[in-house]
Amino acid sequence: MHPNFVEGYNGSLDNLILELRGFSCGQKKSFLDMLGMDLSLQAFIDATAGRGRVAKDVANAAAYIFESSKNQFCDPLMFPLSQKYTGDGQGRFIRSIGNMDYESISYVLSGFSNSLGLIPAYFLNEASASLQEAWAYSKSRTQVITREEESINA
C-alpha cells in the first residue's frame, strides 16, 4: 500500500506543489526526468507482479512526464536541484514522491503543471490522467480481492 504523503517531507501536498513551482527551469526538468525514471521502474514492477493494466497506465504517465521534460526548454547550466535536494537526499526525495499512491502523485503533477509552459503542462496533465486511471483500476481491483477474501473467510 502506497502512502498519500511524501516520506521525510513535513509539509502538505499543496506546500510541496508550491515548492516545486518555485524550482528553476532546470530544476523542474531534472525533477521530471527523475520522477519519470521512478515511475518507469514502478511500471516494470507492476507488470512483473501481474498488474498489466496498472503497469500500462503508469508507463504511459512516465512517457508523458518525459515528454513534458523534453519540451521544457532551459539553460543547460541550470540543471542541478537546490541544495536541499542534492546527492542522495535528492534521490530519496524523488523516490518518496514516486512512492506515494498514484492519486496523490496525480494531484501533485496537476498542481505543478501550472508552473510550466503550455506544451509541458499538457503532457503533465496527460500523465496525471494516466495515474488517475491506474489508481482507480488498482483501487477497484483491491476491492474485488477484499470481497473475495471475505467470502472465503465467511
Foldseek 3Di string as FASTA:
>chain_A
DFALDFPPDDDDLVVVLVVLLPADLQQVLLLLLLLLVLLLVVLVVCVVVVNPLLSVLSPLLSVLSNQLSVPRDDDVVRNDTPPCQDDVNVNSRSNSLSRHQLQSVLVSLQSNLVSGDDSSSVSSNSSSVSSVVSNVVVVVVVVVVVVVVVVVVD
